[in-house]
Amino acid sequence: MDCLNCYEISARLHLYIDRELSAEEIEIVQQHLEDCPSCQCRFHFDMRLKRLVHDCCKIQGAPEHLREAVLRIARTPRGKTVEMAPELLSEIQADMEGC
């Protein structure tokens, strides 16, 4: 693979950022980025965007009492009633209001 133009580099930037290119392609993209301020700017923008999305999209775990309640329900045979403390039921309902 020889030298690539800006359009071809732009099409590979996400693969480069995600480390999904071959060693040869990585070298070509790196060389182009060193020589091309426009593509360098695009690369830095894409990196910042990826970090921002990553930082904003952290997975939040369910509260412990909700996990316990779900497991209790899942383990209860079909047709049986699940007994829950009223305060636990209130907390679960409050947690579910945002869903």
PDB file of N, CA and C in Angstrom:
ATOM      1  N   MET A   1       0.856  -1.182   0.000  1.00  0.00           N
ATOM      2  CA  MET A   1       0.000   0.000   0.000  1.00  0.00           C
ATOM      3  C   MET A   1       0.893   1.233   0.000  1.00  0.00           C
ATOM      4  N   ASP A   2       0.631   2.101  -0.928  1.00  0.00           N
ATOM      5  CA  ASP A   2       1.429   3.313  -1.050  1.00  0.00           C
ATOM      6  C   ASP A   2       0.798   4.447  -0.265  1.00  0.00           C
ATOM      7  N   CYS A   3       1.272   5.633  -0.545  1.00  0.00           N
ATOM      8  CA  CYS A   3       0.780   6.856   0.071  1.00  0.00           C
ATOM      9  C   CYS A   3      -0.724   6.998  -0.165  1.00  0.00           C
ATOM     10  N   LEU A   4      -1.444   7.459   0.843  1.00  0.00           N
ATOM     11  CA  LEU A   4      -2.889   7.661   0.729  1.00  0.00           C
ATOM     12  C   LEU A   4      -3.210   9.149   0.737  1.00  0.00           C
ATOM     13  N   ASN A   5      -4.306   9.525   0.087  1.00  0.00           N
ATOM     14  CA  ASN A   5      -4.714  10.924   0.114  1.00  0.00           C
ATOM     15  C   ASN A   5      -5.572  11.187   1.361  1.00  0.00           C
ATOM     16  N   CYS A   6      -5.905  12.444   1.574  1.00  0.00           N
ATOM     17  CA  CYS A   6      -6.647  12.833   2.779  1.00  0.00           C
ATOM     18  C   CYS A   6      -7.992  12.123   2.887  1.00  0.00           C
ATOM     19  N   TYR A   7      -8.678  11.938   1.773  1.00  0.00           N
ATOM     20  CA  TYR A   7      -9.970  11.259   1.784  1.00  0.00           C
ATOM     21  C   TYR A   7      -9.810   9.821   2.281  1.00  0.00           C
ATOM     22  N   GLU A   8      -8.797   9.135   1.785  1.00  0.00           N
ATOM     23  CA  GLU A   8      -8.556   7.743   2.185  1.00  0.00           C
ATOM     24  C   GLU A   8      -8.125   7.658   3.649  1.00  0.00           C
ATOM     25  N   ILE A   9      -7.332   8.624   4.096  1.00  0.00           N
ATOM     26  CA  ILE A   9      -6.910   8.657   5.498  1.00  0.00           C
ATOM     27  C   ILE A   9      -8.124   8.893   6.390  1.00  0.00           C
ATOM     28  N   SER A  10      -8.953   9.847   6.005  1.00  0.00           N
ATOM     29  CA  SER A  10     -10.149  10.166   6.778  1.00  0.00           C
ATOM     30  C   SER A  10     -11.040   8.936   6.938  1.00  0.00           C
ATOM     31  N   ALA A  11     -11.144   8.143   5.890  1.00  0.00           N
ATOM     32  CA  ALA A  11     -11.962   6.929   5.935  1.00  0.00           C
ATOM     33  C   ALA A  11     -11.379   5.878   6.876  1.00  0.00           C
ATOM     34  N   ARG A  12     -10.086   5.979   7.173  1.00  0.00           N
ATOM     35  CA  ARG A  12      -9.434   4.990   8.033  1.00  0.00           C
ATOM     36  C   ARG A  12      -9.179   5.489   9.458  1.00  0.00           C
ATOM     37  N   LEU A  13      -9.470   6.749   9.733  1.00  0.00           N
ATOM     38  CA  LEU A  13      -9.128   7.308  11.046  1.00  0.00           C
ATOM     39  C   LEU A  13      -9.756   6.543  12.205  1.00  0.00           C
ATOM     40  N   HIS A  14     -11.032   6.190  12.083  1.00  0.00           N
ATOM     41  CA  HIS A  14     -11.675   5.472  13.189  1.00  0.00           C
ATOM     42  C   HIS A  14     -11.048   4.092  13.387  1.00  0.00           C
ATOM     43  N   LEU A  15     -10.684   3.450  12.306  1.00  0.00           N
ATOM     44  CA  LEU A  15      -9.995   2.163  12.420  1.00  0.00           C
ATOM     45  C   LEU A  15      -8.625   2.352  13.064  1.00  0.00           C
ATOM     46  N   TYR A  16      -7.957   3.433  12.713  1.00  0.00           N
ATOM     47  CA  TYR A  16      -6.652   3.748  13.299  1.00  0.00           C
ATOM     48  C   TYR A  16      -6.798   4.012  14.798  1.00  0.00           C
ATOM     49  N   ILE A  17      -7.773   4.833  15.157  1.00  0.00           N
ATOM     50  CA  ILE A  17      -8.006   5.172  16.566  1.00  0.00           C
ATOM     51  C   ILE A  17      -8.354   3.921  17.368  1.00  0.00           C
ATOM     52  N   ASP A  18      -9.137   3.026  16.773  1.00  0.00           N
ATOM     53  CA  ASP A  18      -9.551   1.801  17.466  1.00  0.00           C
ATOM     54  C   ASP A  18      -8.539   0.667  17.330  1.00  0.00           C
ATOM     55  N   ARG A  19      -7.390   0.957  16.725  1.00  0.00           N
ATOM     56  CA  ARG A  19      -6.298  -0.014  16.550  1.00  0.00           C
ATOM     57  C   ARG A  19      -6.752  -1.254  15.772  1.00  0.00           C
ATOM     58  N   GLU A  20      -7.467  -1.000  14.679  1.00  0.00           N
ATOM     59  CA  GLU A  20      -7.982  -2.102  13.871  1.00  0.00           C
ATOM     60  C   GLU A  20      -7.330  -2.172  12.487  1.00  0.00           C
ATOM     61  N   LEU A  21      -6.191  -1.510  12.319  1.00  0.00           N
ATOM     62  CA  LEU A  21      -5.477  -1.532  11.041  1.00  0.00           C
ATOM     63  C   LEU A  21      -4.280  -2.468  11.129  1.00  0.00           C
ATOM     64  N   SER A  22      -3.820  -2.899   9.971  1.00  0.00           N
ATOM     65  CA  SER A  22      -2.600  -3.708   9.922  1.00  0.00           C
ATOM     66  C   SER A  22      -1.405  -2.820  10.268  1.00  0.00           C
ATOM     67  N   ALA A  23      -0.282  -3.436  10.566  1.00  0.00           N
ATOM     68  CA  ALA A  23       0.932  -2.684  10.897  1.00  0.00           C
ATOM     69  C   ALA A  23       1.331  -1.767   9.740  1.00  0.00           C
ATOM     70  N   GLU A  24       1.181  -2.260   8.522  1.00  0.00           N
ATOM     71  CA  GLU A  24       1.528  -1.454   7.343  1.00  0.00           C
ATOM     72  C   GLU A  24       0.610  -0.232   7.232  1.00  0.00           C
ATOM     73  N   GLU A  25      -0.689  -0.436   7.438  1.00  0.00           N
ATOM     74  CA  GLU A  25      -1.634   0.682   7.351  1.00  0.00           C
ATOM     75  C   GLU A  25      -1.403   1.697   8.467  1.00  0.00           C
ATOM     76  N   ILE A  26      -1.076   1.208   9.660  1.00  0.00           N
ATOM     77  CA  ILE A  26      -0.789   2.108  10.789  1.00  0.00           C
ATOM     78  C   ILE A  26       0.372   3.023  10.433  1.00  0.00           C
ATOM     79  N   GLU A  27       1.413   2.446   9.878  1.00  0.00           N
ATOM     80  CA  GLU A  27       2.597   3.226   9.507  1.00  0.00           C
ATOM     81  C   GLU A  27       2.254   4.289   8.459  1.00  0.00           C
ATOM     82  N   ILE A  28       1.444   3.919   7.487  1.00  0.00           N
ATOM     83  CA  ILE A  28       1.059   4.862   6.430  1.00  0.00           C
ATOM     84  C   ILE A  28       0.213   5.997   7.005  1.00  0.00           C
ATOM     85  N   VAL A  29      -0.747   5.656   7.867  1.00  0.00           N
ATOM     86  CA  VAL A  29      -1.603   6.686   8.471  1.00  0.00           C
ATOM     87  C   VAL A  29      -0.759   7.604   9.352  1.00  0.00           C
ATOM     88  N   GLN A  30       0.136   7.033  10.157  1.00  0.00           N
ATOM     89  CA  GLN A  30       0.989   7.853  11.026  1.00  0.00           C
ATOM     90  C   GLN A  30       1.839   8.817  10.207  1.00  0.00           C
ATOM     91  N   GLN A  31       2.412   8.327   9.136  1.00  0.00           N
ATOM     92  CA  GLN A  31       3.249   9.177   8.283  1.00  0.00           C
ATOM     93  C   GLN A  31       2.420  10.313   7.690  1.00  0.00           C
ATOM     94  N   HIS A  32       1.227   9.993   7.235  1.00  0.00           N
ATOM     95  CA  HIS A  32       0.360  11.024   6.665  1.00  0.00           C
ATOM     96  C   HIS A  32      -0.005  12.055   7.733  1.00  0.00           C
ATOM     97  N   LEU A  33      -0.332  11.593   8.930  1.00  0.00           N
ATOM     98  CA  LEU A  33      -0.706  12.520  10.005  1.00  0.00           C
ATOM     99  C   LEU A  33       0.449  13.453  10.369  1.00  0.00           C
ATOM    100  N   GLU A  34       1.671  12.944  10.315  1.00  0.00           N
ATOM    101  CA  GLU A  34       2.839  13.784  10.607  1.00  0.00           C
ATOM    102  C   GLU A  34       3.006  14.888   9.560  1.00  0.00           C
ATOM    103  N   ASP A  35       2.605  14.602   8.328  1.00  0.00           N
ATOM    104  CA  ASP A  35       2.826  15.535   7.219  1.00  0.00           C
ATOM    105  C   ASP A  35       1.621  16.402   6.870  1.00  0.00           C
ATOM    106  N   CYS A  36       0.458  16.107   7.431  1.00  0.00           N
ATOM    107  CA  CYS A  36      -0.764  16.797   6.999  1.00  0.00           C
ATOM    108  C   CYS A  36      -1.490  17.442   8.190  1.00  0.00           C
ATOM    109  N   PRO A  37      -1.361  18.756   8.354  1.00  0.00           N
ATOM    110  CA  PRO A  37      -2.023  19.443   9.472  1.00  0.00           C
ATOM    111  C   PRO A  37      -3.545  19.290   9.465  1.00  0.00           C
ATOM    112  N   SER A  38      -4.141  19.237   8.293  1.00  0.00           N
ATOM    113  CA  SER A  38      -5.594  19.099   8.194  1.00  0.00           C
ATOM    114  C   SER A  38      -6.061  17.752   8.754  1.00  0.00           C
ATOM    115  N   CYS A  39      -5.404  16.685   8.368  1.00  0.00           N
ATOM    116  CA  CYS A  39      -5.767  15.354   8.873  1.00  0.00           C
ATOM    117  C   CYS A  39      -5.402  15.211  10.349  1.00  0.00           C
ATOM    118  N   GLN A  40      -4.312  15.863  10.755  1.00  0.00           N
ATOM    119  CA  GLN A  40      -3.935  15.878  12.175  1.00  0.00           C
ATOM    120  C   GLN A  40      -5.055  16.486  13.006  1.00  0.00           C
ATOM    121  N   CYS A  41      -5.597  17.597  12.524  1.00  0.00           N
ATOM    122  CA  CYS A  41      -6.692  18.283  13.210  1.00  0.00           C
ATOM    123  C   CYS A  41      -7.905  17.358  13.304  1.00  0.00           C
ATOM    124  N   ARG A  42      -8.237  16.697  12.216  1.00  0.00           N
ATOM    125  CA  ARG A  42      -9.370  15.760  12.202  1.00  0.00           C
ATOM    126  C   ARG A  42      -9.131  14.617  13.178  1.00  0.00           C
ATOM    127  N   PHE A  43      -7.908  14.093  13.202  1.00  0.00           N
ATOM    128  CA  PHE A  43      -7.555  13.008  14.115  1.00  0.00           C
ATOM    129  C   PHE A  43      -7.746  13.439  15.568  1.00  0.00           C
ATOM    130  N   HIS A  44      -7.239  14.614  15.930  1.00  0.00           N
ATOM    131  CA  HIS A  44      -7.364  15.086  17.314  1.00  0.00           C
ATOM    132  C   HIS A  44      -8.825  15.336  17.683  1.00  0.00           C
ATOM    133  N   PHE A  45      -9.603  15.845  16.741  1.00  0.00           N
ATOM    134  CA  PHE A  45     -11.032  16.042  16.980  1.00  0.00           C
ATOM    135  C   PHE A  45     -11.717  14.697  17.241  1.00  0.00           C
ATOM    136  N   ASP A  46     -11.437  13.715  16.389  1.00  0.00           N
ATOM    137  CA  ASP A  46     -12.049  12.392  16.549  1.00  0.00           C
ATOM    138  C   ASP A  46     -11.637  11.736  17.863  1.00  0.00           C
ATOM    139  N   MET A  47     -10.371  11.922  18.259  1.00  0.00           N
ATOM    140  CA  MET A  47      -9.912  11.368  19.542  1.00  0.00           C
ATOM    141  C   MET A  47     -10.654  12.018  20.712  1.00  0.00           C
ATOM    142  N   ARG A  48     -10.789  13.350  20.678  1.00  0.00           N
ATOM    143  CA  ARG A  48     -11.517  14.052  21.746  1.00  0.00           C
ATOM    144  C   ARG A  48     -12.975  13.599  21.790  1.00  0.00           C
ATOM    145  N   LEU A  49     -13.577  13.448  20.629  1.00  0.00           N
ATOM    146  CA  LEU A  49     -14.968  13.008  20.558  1.00  0.00           C
ATOM    147  C   LEU A  49     -15.123  11.602  21.135  1.00  0.00           C
ATOM    148  N   LYS A  50     -14.211  10.726  20.794  1.00  0.00           N
ATOM    149  CA  LYS A  50     -14.275   9.354  21.320  1.00  0.00           C
ATOM    150  C   LYS A  50     -14.140   9.357  22.837  1.00  0.00           C
ATOM    151  N   ARG A  51     -13.209  10.159  23.370  1.00  0.00           N
ATOM    152  CA  ARG A  51     -13.045  10.245  24.831  1.00  0.00           C
ATOM    153  C   ARG A  51     -14.294  10.806  25.499  1.00  0.00           C
ATOM    154  N   LEU A  52     -14.871  11.834  24.892  1.00  0.00           N
ATOM    155  CA  LEU A  52     -16.076  12.453  25.436  1.00  0.00           C
ATOM    156  C   LEU A  52     -17.230  11.450  25.486  1.00  0.00           C
ATOM    157  N   VAL A  53     -17.438  10.733  24.408  1.00  0.00           N
ATOM    158  CA  VAL A  53     -18.498   9.719  24.377  1.00  0.00           C
ATOM    159  C   VAL A  53     -18.225   8.650  25.426  1.00  0.00           C
ATOM    160  N   HIS A  54     -16.993   8.204  25.513  1.00  0.00           N
ATOM    161  CA  HIS A  54     -16.633   7.184  26.507  1.00  0.00           C
ATOM    162  C   HIS A  54     -16.902   7.678  27.922  1.00  0.00           C
ATOM    163  N   ASP A  55     -16.500   8.913  28.218  1.00  0.00           N
ATOM    164  CA  ASP A  55     -16.680   9.462  29.563  1.00  0.00           C
ATOM    165  C   ASP A  55     -18.147   9.673  29.911  1.00  0.00           C
ATOM    166  N   CYS A  56     -18.963   9.985  28.921  1.00  0.00           N
ATOM    167  CA  CYS A  56     -20.387  10.259  29.175  1.00  0.00           C
ATOM    168  C   CYS A  56     -21.241   8.995  29.186  1.00  0.00           C
ATOM    169  N   CYS A  57     -20.717   7.908  28.710  1.00  0.00           N
ATOM    170  CA  CYS A  57     -21.530   6.693  28.557  1.00  0.00           C
ATOM    171  C   CYS A  57     -21.076   5.570  29.475  1.00  0.00           C
ATOM    172  N   LYS A  58     -20.732   5.909  30.675  1.00  0.00           N
ATOM    173  CA  LYS A  58     -20.333   4.880  31.633  1.00  0.00           C
ATOM    174  C   LYS A  58     -21.560   4.050  32.004  1.00  0.00           C
ATOM    175  N   ILE A  59     -21.376   2.769  32.140  1.00  0.00           N
ATOM    176  CA  ILE A  59     -22.464   1.881  32.530  1.00  0.00           C
ATOM    177  C   ILE A  59     -22.663   1.989  34.031  1.00  0.00           C
ATOM    178  N   GLN A  60     -23.892   2.226  34.422  1.00  0.00           N
ATOM    179  CA  GLN A  60     -24.207   2.296  35.840  1.00  0.00           C
ATOM    180  C   GLN A  60     -24.869   0.985  36.243  1.00  0.00           C
ATOM    181  N   GLY A  61     -24.432   0.451  37.361  1.00  0.00           N
ATOM    182  CA  GLY A  61     -25.032  -0.770  37.868  1.00  0.00           C
ATOM    183  C   GLY A  61     -26.333  -0.470  38.594  1.00  0.00           C
ATOM    184  N   ALA A  62     -27.184  -1.453  38.632  1.00  0.00           N
ATOM    185  CA  ALA A  62     -28.441  -1.308  39.370  1.00  0.00           C
ATOM    186  C   ALA A  62     -28.137  -1.303  40.864  1.00  0.00           C
ATOM    187  N   PRO A  63     -28.962  -0.601  41.650  1.00  0.00           N
ATOM    188  CA  PRO A  63     -28.774  -0.624  43.102  1.00  0.00           C
ATOM    189  C   PRO A  63     -28.882  -2.059  43.625  1.00  0.00           C
ATOM    190  N   GLU A  64     -28.158  -2.343  44.675  1.00  0.00           N
ATOM    191  CA  GLU A  64     -28.105  -3.699  45.228  1.00  0.00           C
ATOM    192  C   GLU A  64     -29.496  -4.233  45.565  1.00  0.00           C
ATOM    193  N   HIS A  65     -30.332  -3.402  46.193  1.00  0.00           N
ATOM    194  CA  HIS A  65     -31.665  -3.890  46.571  1.00  0.00           C
ATOM    195  C   HIS A  65     -32.504  -4.252  45.343  1.00  0.00           C
ATOM    196  N   LEU A  66     -32.293  -3.557  44.245  1.00  0.00           N
ATOM    197  CA  LEU A  66     -33.027  -3.877  43.024  1.00  0.00           C
ATOM    198  C   LEU A  66     -32.540  -5.198  42.440  1.00  0.00           C
ATOM    199  N   ARG A  67     -31.236  -5.412  42.439  1.00  0.00           N
ATOM    200  CA  ARG A  67     -30.687  -6.690  41.957  1.00  0.00           C
ATOM    201  C   ARG A  67     -31.216  -7.850  42.783  1.00  0.00           C
ATOM    202  N   GLU A  68     -31.223  -7.671  44.117  1.00  0.00           N
ATOM    203  CA  GLU A  68     -31.719  -8.735  44.998  1.00  0.00           C
ATOM    204  C   GLU A  68     -33.189  -9.033  44.726  1.00  0.00           C
ATOM    205  N   ALA A  69     -33.980  -7.986  44.529  1.00  0.00           N
ATOM    206  CA  ALA A  69     -35.409  -8.188  44.264  1.00  0.00           C
ATOM    207  C   ALA A  69     -35.625  -8.913  42.940  1.00  0.00           C
ATOM    208  N   VAL A  70     -34.886  -8.530  41.918  1.00  0.00           N
ATOM    209  CA  VAL A  70     -35.023  -9.179  40.611  1.00  0.00           C
ATOM    210  C   VAL A  70     -34.626 -10.645  40.708  1.00  0.00           C
ATOM    211  N   LEU A  71     -33.527 -10.929  41.403  1.00  0.00           N
ATOM    212  CA  LEU A  71     -33.106 -12.326  41.570  1.00  0.00           C
ATOM    213  C   LEU A  71     -34.140 -13.122  42.347  1.00  0.00           C
ATOM    214  N   ARG A  72     -34.715 -12.524  43.355  1.00  0.00           N
ATOM    215  CA  ARG A  72     -35.740 -13.206  44.146  1.00  0.00           C
ATOM    216  C   ARG A  72     -36.945 -13.535  43.269  1.00  0.00           C
ATOM    217  N   ILE A  73     -37.350 -12.586  42.442  1.00  0.00           N
ATOM    218  CA  ILE A  73     -38.481 -12.819  41.539  1.00  0.00           C
ATOM    219  C   ILE A  73     -38.131 -13.901  40.517  1.00  0.00           C
ATOM    220  N   ALA A  74     -36.924 -13.839  39.978  1.00  0.00           N
ATOM    221  CA  ALA A  74     -36.501 -14.811  38.961  1.00  0.00           C
ATOM    222  C   ALA A  74     -36.445 -16.226  39.518  1.00  0.00           C
ATOM    223  N   ARG A  75     -36.137 -16.359  40.788  1.00  0.00           N
ATOM    224  CA  ARG A  75     -36.019 -17.688  41.407  1.00  0.00           C
ATOM    225  C   ARG A  75     -37.351 -18.226  41.920  1.00  0.00           C
ATOM    226  N   THR A  76     -38.361 -17.394  41.913  1.00  0.00           N
ATOM    227  CA  THR A  76     -39.662 -17.812  42.426  1.00  0.00           C
ATOM    228  C   THR A  76     -40.389 -18.626  41.358  1.00  0.00           C
ATOM    229  N   PRO A  77     -40.890 -19.806  41.745  1.00  0.00           N
ATOM    230  CA  PRO A  77     -41.620 -20.625  40.764  1.00  0.00           C
ATOM    231  C   PRO A  77     -42.835 -19.873  40.214  1.00  0.00           C
ATOM    232  N   ARG A  78     -43.140 -20.148  38.973  1.00  0.00           N
ATOM    233  CA  ARG A  78     -44.273 -19.499  38.300  1.00  0.00           C
ATOM    234  C   ARG A  78     -45.560 -19.763  39.086  1.00  0.00           C
ATOM    235  N   GLY A  79     -46.350 -18.725  39.233  1.00  0.00           N
ATOM    236  CA  GLY A  79     -47.623 -18.847  39.939  1.00  0.00           C
ATOM    237  C   GLY A  79     -47.527 -18.539  41.424  1.00  0.00           C
ATOM    238  N   LYS A  80     -46.323 -18.457  41.969  1.00  0.00           N
ATOM    239  CA  LYS A  80     -46.126 -18.132  43.390  1.00  0.00           C
ATOM    240  C   LYS A  80     -45.983 -16.628  43.545  1.00  0.00           C
ATOM    241  N   THR A  81     -46.399 -16.114  44.683  1.00  0.00           N
ATOM    242  CA  THR A  81     -46.283 -14.695  44.985  1.00  0.00           C
ATOM    243  C   THR A  81     -44.944 -14.426  45.652  1.00  0.00           C
ATOM    244  N   VAL A  82     -44.323 -13.330  45.266  1.00  0.00           N
ATOM    245  CA  VAL A  82     -43.047 -12.942  45.861  1.00  0.00           C
ATOM    246  C   VAL A  82     -43.333 -11.976  47.000  1.00  0.00           C
ATOM    247  N   GLU A  83     -42.847 -12.303  48.171  1.00  0.00           N
ATOM    248  CA  GLU A  83     -43.010 -11.436  49.346  1.00  0.00           C
ATOM    249  C   GLU A  83     -41.858 -10.434  49.376  1.00  0.00           C
ATOM    250  N   MET A  84     -42.204  -9.155  49.547  1.00  0.00           N
ATOM    251  CA  MET A  84     -41.181  -8.110  49.667  1.00  0.00           C
ATOM    252  C   MET A  84     -41.568  -7.163  50.776  1.00  0.00           C
ATOM    253  N   ALA A  85     -40.542  -6.680  51.468  1.00  0.00           N
ATOM    254  CA  ALA A  85     -40.781  -5.678  52.506  1.00  0.00           C
ATOM    255  C   ALA A  85     -41.338  -4.420  51.839  1.00  0.00           C
ATOM    256  N   PRO A  86     -42.319  -3.760  52.473  1.00  0.00           N
ATOM    257  CA  PRO A  86     -42.918  -2.561  51.873  1.00  0.00           C
ATOM    258  C   PRO A  86     -41.891  -1.478  51.542  1.00  0.00           C
ATOM    259  N   GLU A  87     -40.881  -1.297  52.405  1.00  0.00           N
ATOM    260  CA  GLU A  87     -39.875  -0.263  52.127  1.00  0.00           C
ATOM    261  C   GLU A  87     -39.036  -0.615  50.899  1.00  0.00           C
ATOM    262  N   LEU A  88     -38.773  -1.915  50.701  1.00  0.00           N
ATOM    263  CA  LEU A  88     -38.032  -2.347  49.512  1.00  0.00           C
ATOM    264  C   LEU A  88     -38.878  -2.105  48.263  1.00  0.00           C
ATOM    265  N   LEU A  89     -40.149  -2.425  48.352  1.00  0.00           N
ATOM    266  CA  LEU A  89     -41.052  -2.200  47.229  1.00  0.00           C
ATOM    267  C   LEU A  89     -41.124  -0.714  46.877  1.00  0.00           C
ATOM    268  N   SER A  90     -41.164   0.150  47.892  1.00  0.00           N
ATOM    269  CA  SER A  90     -41.190   1.604  47.658  1.00  0.00           C
ATOM    270  C   SER A  90     -39.912   2.070  46.969  1.00  0.00           C
ATOM    271  N   GLU A  91     -38.765   1.543  47.412  1.00  0.00           N
ATOM    272  CA  GLU A  91     -37.484   1.917  46.795  1.00  0.00           C
ATOM    273  C   GLU A  91     -37.426   1.470  45.337  1.00  0.00           C
ATOM    274  N   ILE A  92     -37.902   0.262  45.079  1.00  0.00           N
ATOM    275  CA  ILE A  92     -37.887  -0.254  43.707  1.00  0.00           C
ATOM    276  C   ILE A  92     -38.786   0.600  42.822  1.00  0.00           C
ATOM    277  N   GLN A  93     -39.968   0.941  43.324  1.00  0.00           N
ATOM    278  CA  GLN A  93     -40.876   1.783  42.545  1.00  0.00           C
ATOM    279  C   GLN A  93     -40.245   3.146  42.264  1.00  0.00           C
ATOM    280  N   ALA A  94     -39.552   3.707  43.254  1.00  0.00           N
ATOM    281  CA  ALA A  94     -38.880   5.002  43.064  1.00  0.00           C
ATOM    282  C   ALA A  94     -37.777   4.883  42.015  1.00  0.00           C
ATOM    283  N   ASP A  95     -37.022   3.775  42.058  1.00  0.00           N
ATOM    284  CA  ASP A  95     -35.960   3.561  41.070  1.00  0.00           C
ATOM    285  C   ASP A  95     -36.532   3.421  39.665  1.00  0.00           C
ATOM    286  N   MET A  96     -37.695   2.806  39.551  1.00  0.00           N
ATOM    287  CA  MET A  96     -38.294   2.548  38.250  1.00  0.00           C
ATOM    288  C   MET A  96     -38.961   3.784  37.644  1.00  0.00           C
ATOM    289  N   GLU A  97     -39.236   4.802  38.440  1.00  0.00           N
ATOM    290  CA  GLU A  97     -39.903   5.999  37.929  1.00  0.00           C
ATOM    291  C   GLU A  97     -39.088   6.687  36.839  1.00  0.00           C
ATOM    292  N   GLY A  98     -37.772   6.600  36.924  1.00  0.00           N
ATOM    293  CA  GLY A  98     -36.927   7.243  35.924  1.00  0.00           C
ATOM    294  C   GLY A  98     -36.800   6.453  34.637  1.00  0.00           C
ATOM    295  N   CYS A  99     -37.330   5.235  34.601  1.00  0.00           N
ATOM    296  CA  CYS A  99     -37.177   4.373  33.419  1.00  0.00           C
ATOM    297  C   CYS A  99     -38.272   4.596  32.405  1.00  0.00           C
TER     298      CYS A  99
END
